[in-house]
Amino acid sequence: MSRVCELSGKGPMTGNNVSHAHNKTRRRFLPNLQDVSLMSEALGRTFKFRVSSAALRTVDHRGGLDGFMMKAKETDLSPAARKVRKDILAARAAA
């Protein structure tokens, strides 16, 4: 399972461990990913995603999964999230 957020596209970053003697060794900074179920009000069902905690705060700030998907960039979303976004847009257009 890749360590990439399905909603924001956030992935591992690289940097240095710096010792007291100022020796530098390469390391990875992994995103804080959580397995969550998010409810779509337009579709009336839940979807499971692997989301970073920062993206989860953004989902709450934008008023839930539907509000987040309206403003999300297509390139940042995973293929599963793109399908959910397409379904939400279709349900909103039909309503």
N, C-alpha and C. Protein backbone atom coordinates (compact mmCIF):
# COMPACT_ATOMS: atom_id res chain seq x y z
N MET A 1 0.85 -1.17 0.00
CA MET A 1 0.00 0.00 0.00
C MET A 1 0.89 1.24 0.00
N SER A 2 0.68 2.13 -0.95
CA SER A 2 1.54 3.30 -1.05
C SER A 2 1.22 4.30 0.06
N ARG A 3 2.21 5.09 0.39
CA ARG A 3 2.05 6.08 1.46
C ARG A 3 1.72 7.43 0.86
N VAL A 4 0.58 7.50 0.17
CA VAL A 4 0.13 8.72 -0.48
C VAL A 4 -1.32 8.97 -0.08
N CYS A 5 -1.63 10.21 0.28
CA CYS A 5 -3.00 10.59 0.64
C CYS A 5 -3.87 10.52 -0.61
N GLU A 6 -5.04 9.90 -0.50
CA GLU A 6 -5.93 9.73 -1.64
C GLU A 6 -6.66 11.01 -2.03
N LEU A 7 -6.76 11.97 -1.12
CA LEU A 7 -7.49 13.20 -1.42
C LEU A 7 -6.59 14.38 -1.76
N SER A 8 -5.42 14.47 -1.13
CA SER A 8 -4.56 15.62 -1.37
C SER A 8 -3.33 15.29 -2.21
N GLY A 9 -3.00 14.02 -2.35
CA GLY A 9 -1.82 13.63 -3.11
C GLY A 9 -0.52 13.79 -2.33
N LYS A 10 -0.61 14.11 -1.06
CA LYS A 10 0.58 14.30 -0.23
C LYS A 10 1.31 12.97 -0.05
N GLY A 11 2.61 12.97 -0.30
CA GLY A 11 3.42 11.76 -0.19
C GLY A 11 4.65 11.99 0.66
N PRO A 12 5.55 11.00 0.70
CA PRO A 12 6.77 11.14 1.50
C PRO A 12 7.67 12.26 0.99
N MET A 13 8.34 12.92 1.93
CA MET A 13 9.35 13.94 1.59
C MET A 13 10.69 13.44 2.11
N THR A 14 11.76 14.01 1.60
CA THR A 14 13.09 13.61 2.07
C THR A 14 13.76 14.79 2.73
N GLY A 15 14.72 14.46 3.61
CA GLY A 15 15.48 15.48 4.32
C GLY A 15 16.68 14.85 4.98
N ASN A 16 17.20 15.50 5.99
CA ASN A 16 18.38 15.03 6.69
C ASN A 16 18.11 14.80 8.16
N ASN A 17 18.70 13.72 8.71
CA ASN A 17 18.87 13.61 10.15
C ASN A 17 20.16 14.36 10.45
N VAL A 18 20.15 15.25 11.43
CA VAL A 18 21.35 16.00 11.78
C VAL A 18 21.70 15.66 13.21
N SER A 19 22.88 15.07 13.40
CA SER A 19 23.32 14.67 14.73
C SER A 19 23.88 15.87 15.49
N HIS A 20 24.19 15.64 16.75
CA HIS A 20 24.78 16.70 17.57
C HIS A 20 26.13 17.14 17.00
N ALA A 21 26.86 16.20 16.38
CA ALA A 21 28.14 16.52 15.75
C ALA A 21 27.95 17.10 14.35
N HIS A 22 26.70 17.34 13.97
CA HIS A 22 26.31 17.93 12.69
C HIS A 22 26.59 17.00 11.50
N ASN A 23 26.56 15.68 11.75
CA ASN A 23 26.64 14.71 10.66
C ASN A 23 25.26 14.63 10.03
N LYS A 24 25.20 14.58 8.71
CA LYS A 24 23.91 14.56 8.01
C LYS A 24 23.74 13.21 7.33
N THR A 25 22.61 12.56 7.58
CA THR A 25 22.24 11.33 6.88
C THR A 25 20.83 11.51 6.34
N ARG A 26 20.57 10.92 5.17
CA ARG A 26 19.27 11.10 4.53
C ARG A 26 18.18 10.33 5.27
N ARG A 27 16.98 10.88 5.26
CA ARG A 27 15.82 10.23 5.88
C ARG A 27 14.57 10.59 5.11
N ARG A 28 13.46 9.91 5.44
CA ARG A 28 12.16 10.17 4.82
C ARG A 28 11.19 10.69 5.88
N PHE A 29 10.41 11.69 5.50
CA PHE A 29 9.32 12.19 6.33
C PHE A 29 8.03 11.66 5.72
N LEU A 30 7.34 10.76 6.43
CA LEU A 30 6.13 10.14 5.92
C LEU A 30 4.90 10.95 6.34
N PRO A 31 3.89 11.03 5.49
CA PRO A 31 2.66 11.75 5.88
C PRO A 31 1.89 10.95 6.93
N ASN A 32 1.14 11.67 7.75
CA ASN A 32 0.35 11.05 8.81
C ASN A 32 -0.97 10.55 8.20
N LEU A 33 -0.97 9.30 7.70
CA LEU A 33 -2.14 8.75 7.02
C LEU A 33 -3.03 7.99 7.99
N GLN A 34 -4.34 8.17 7.80
CA GLN A 34 -5.35 7.50 8.61
C GLN A 34 -6.37 6.86 7.68
N ASP A 35 -6.88 5.69 8.07
CA ASP A 35 -7.97 5.05 7.33
C ASP A 35 -9.29 5.61 7.87
N VAL A 36 -10.05 6.27 7.02
CA VAL A 36 -11.29 6.91 7.46
C VAL A 36 -12.43 6.56 6.52
N SER A 37 -13.65 6.62 7.04
CA SER A 37 -14.87 6.50 6.24
C SER A 37 -15.53 7.87 6.21
N LEU A 38 -15.71 8.41 5.02
CA LEU A 38 -16.32 9.72 4.86
C LEU A 38 -17.68 9.58 4.20
N MET A 39 -18.66 10.32 4.72
CA MET A 39 -20.03 10.25 4.24
C MET A 39 -20.28 11.29 3.16
N SER A 40 -20.87 10.86 2.06
CA SER A 40 -21.31 11.78 1.02
C SER A 40 -22.80 12.00 1.18
N GLU A 41 -23.19 13.26 1.36
CA GLU A 41 -24.61 13.57 1.53
C GLU A 41 -25.35 13.51 0.20
N ALA A 42 -24.67 13.83 -0.89
CA ALA A 42 -25.32 13.80 -2.21
C ALA A 42 -25.63 12.37 -2.64
N LEU A 43 -24.74 11.43 -2.30
CA LEU A 43 -24.94 10.03 -2.69
C LEU A 43 -25.58 9.20 -1.59
N GLY A 44 -25.54 9.68 -0.35
CA GLY A 44 -26.16 8.97 0.76
C GLY A 44 -25.43 7.71 1.19
N ARG A 45 -24.11 7.67 1.02
CA ARG A 45 -23.34 6.51 1.45
C ARG A 45 -21.94 6.92 1.87
N THR A 46 -21.21 5.99 2.48
CA THR A 46 -19.87 6.27 2.95
C THR A 46 -18.83 5.67 2.01
N PHE A 47 -17.65 6.27 2.03
CA PHE A 47 -16.52 5.81 1.23
C PHE A 47 -15.30 5.73 2.12
N LYS A 48 -14.49 4.67 1.94
CA LYS A 48 -13.28 4.51 2.72
C LYS A 48 -12.10 5.05 1.94
N PHE A 49 -11.30 5.89 2.62
CA PHE A 49 -10.11 6.48 2.03
C PHE A 49 -8.95 6.40 3.01
N ARG A 50 -7.74 6.47 2.47
CA ARG A 50 -6.53 6.60 3.29
C ARG A 50 -6.09 8.06 3.14
N VAL A 51 -6.31 8.84 4.20
CA VAL A 51 -6.22 10.30 4.12
C VAL A 51 -5.23 10.81 5.15
N SER A 52 -4.48 11.86 4.79
CA SER A 52 -3.60 12.52 5.75
C SER A 52 -4.46 13.33 6.72
N SER A 53 -3.92 13.56 7.92
CA SER A 53 -4.68 14.31 8.92
C SER A 53 -4.90 15.75 8.46
N ALA A 54 -3.97 16.31 7.69
CA ALA A 54 -4.15 17.67 7.17
C ALA A 54 -5.31 17.72 6.19
N ALA A 55 -5.44 16.72 5.32
CA ALA A 55 -6.55 16.67 4.37
C ALA A 55 -7.87 16.44 5.10
N LEU A 56 -7.84 15.69 6.18
CA LEU A 56 -9.05 15.44 6.96
C LEU A 56 -9.56 16.73 7.59
N ARG A 57 -8.65 17.59 8.06
CA ARG A 57 -9.04 18.90 8.59
C ARG A 57 -9.64 19.76 7.48
N THR A 58 -9.08 19.66 6.28
CA THR A 58 -9.60 20.43 5.15
C THR A 58 -11.00 19.96 4.77
N VAL A 59 -11.24 18.65 4.82
CA VAL A 59 -12.58 18.11 4.54
C VAL A 59 -13.58 18.68 5.54
N ASP A 60 -13.23 18.71 6.82
CA ASP A 60 -14.11 19.28 7.83
C ASP A 60 -14.34 20.78 7.59
N HIS A 61 -13.29 21.50 7.22
CA HIS A 61 -13.38 22.94 7.00
C HIS A 61 -14.30 23.28 5.83
N ARG A 62 -14.28 22.45 4.79
CA ARG A 62 -15.08 22.71 3.59
C ARG A 62 -16.48 22.13 3.68
N GLY A 63 -16.86 21.57 4.81
CA GLY A 63 -18.22 21.12 5.02
C GLY A 63 -18.49 19.69 4.62
N GLY A 64 -17.50 18.83 4.68
CA GLY A 64 -17.70 17.43 4.39
C GLY A 64 -17.10 17.01 3.05
N LEU A 65 -17.31 15.76 2.71
CA LEU A 65 -16.72 15.18 1.51
C LEU A 65 -17.22 15.86 0.25
N ASP A 66 -18.51 16.18 0.18
CA ASP A 66 -19.06 16.82 -1.02
C ASP A 66 -18.44 18.19 -1.26
N GLY A 67 -18.32 18.99 -0.22
CA GLY A 67 -17.72 20.31 -0.35
C GLY A 67 -16.25 20.25 -0.73
N PHE A 68 -15.56 19.26 -0.18
CA PHE A 68 -14.14 19.09 -0.52
C PHE A 68 -13.97 18.71 -1.98
N MET A 69 -14.80 17.78 -2.46
CA MET A 69 -14.68 17.31 -3.84
C MET A 69 -15.00 18.40 -4.86
N MET A 70 -15.86 19.36 -4.49
CA MET A 70 -16.19 20.45 -5.41
C MET A 70 -14.96 21.31 -5.71
N LYS A 71 -14.10 21.51 -4.70
CA LYS A 71 -12.95 22.39 -4.85
C LYS A 71 -11.64 21.64 -5.12
N ALA A 72 -11.66 20.31 -5.06
CA ALA A 72 -10.43 19.52 -5.21
C ALA A 72 -9.94 19.53 -6.66
N LYS A 73 -8.62 19.52 -6.81
CA LYS A 73 -8.02 19.41 -8.14
C LYS A 73 -8.06 17.95 -8.58
N GLU A 74 -8.40 17.74 -9.83
CA GLU A 74 -8.51 16.38 -10.38
C GLU A 74 -7.17 15.65 -10.30
N THR A 75 -6.06 16.38 -10.48
CA THR A 75 -4.74 15.74 -10.51
C THR A 75 -4.29 15.25 -9.15
N ASP A 76 -4.78 15.85 -8.06
CA ASP A 76 -4.38 15.44 -6.71
C ASP A 76 -5.10 14.18 -6.24
N LEU A 77 -6.27 13.89 -6.80
CA LEU A 77 -7.09 12.78 -6.33
C LEU A 77 -6.60 11.45 -6.87
N SER A 78 -6.82 10.39 -6.08
CA SER A 78 -6.52 9.03 -6.53
C SER A 78 -7.61 8.59 -7.51
N PRO A 79 -7.38 7.52 -8.27
CA PRO A 79 -8.42 7.06 -9.21
C PRO A 79 -9.76 6.75 -8.53
N ALA A 80 -9.73 6.18 -7.34
CA ALA A 80 -10.98 5.88 -6.62
C ALA A 80 -11.69 7.18 -6.21
N ALA A 81 -10.92 8.17 -5.78
CA ALA A 81 -11.51 9.44 -5.38
C ALA A 81 -12.05 10.19 -6.60
N ARG A 82 -11.40 10.05 -7.75
CA ARG A 82 -11.90 10.68 -8.97
C ARG A 82 -13.27 10.14 -9.35
N LYS A 83 -13.45 8.83 -9.18
CA LYS A 83 -14.73 8.20 -9.48
C LYS A 83 -15.81 8.72 -8.54
N VAL A 84 -15.48 8.84 -7.25
CA VAL A 84 -16.43 9.37 -6.28
C VAL A 84 -16.79 10.81 -6.63
N ARG A 85 -15.79 11.61 -7.01
CA ARG A 85 -16.03 13.01 -7.38
C ARG A 85 -16.96 13.10 -8.58
N LYS A 86 -16.75 12.23 -9.58
CA LYS A 86 -17.60 12.21 -10.76
C LYS A 86 -19.04 11.86 -10.39
N ASP A 87 -19.21 10.88 -9.50
CA ASP A 87 -20.55 10.49 -9.06
C ASP A 87 -21.24 11.61 -8.28
N ILE A 88 -20.48 12.32 -7.45
CA ILE A 88 -21.04 13.43 -6.67
C ILE A 88 -21.49 14.55 -7.60
N LEU A 89 -20.64 14.88 -8.58
CA LEU A 89 -21.01 15.93 -9.55
C LEU A 89 -22.27 15.55 -10.32
N ALA A 90 -22.38 14.28 -10.72
CA ALA A 90 -23.56 13.82 -11.44
C ALA A 90 -24.81 13.89 -10.57
N ALA A 91 -24.68 13.50 -9.30
CA ALA A 91 -25.83 13.53 -8.39
C ALA A 91 -26.28 14.96 -8.12
N ARG A 92 -25.31 15.89 -8.01
CA ARG A 92 -25.67 17.29 -7.79
C ARG A 92 -26.32 17.91 -9.01
N ALA A 93 -25.87 17.50 -10.20
CA ALA A 93 -26.47 18.02 -11.44
C ALA A 93 -27.90 17.51 -11.63
N ALA A 94 -28.14 16.28 -11.21
CA ALA A 94 -29.48 15.69 -11.34
C ALA A 94 -30.46 16.29 -10.33
N ALA A 95 -29.95 16.74 -9.19
CA ALA A 95 -30.83 17.29 -8.15
C ALA A 95 -31.26 18.71 -8.40
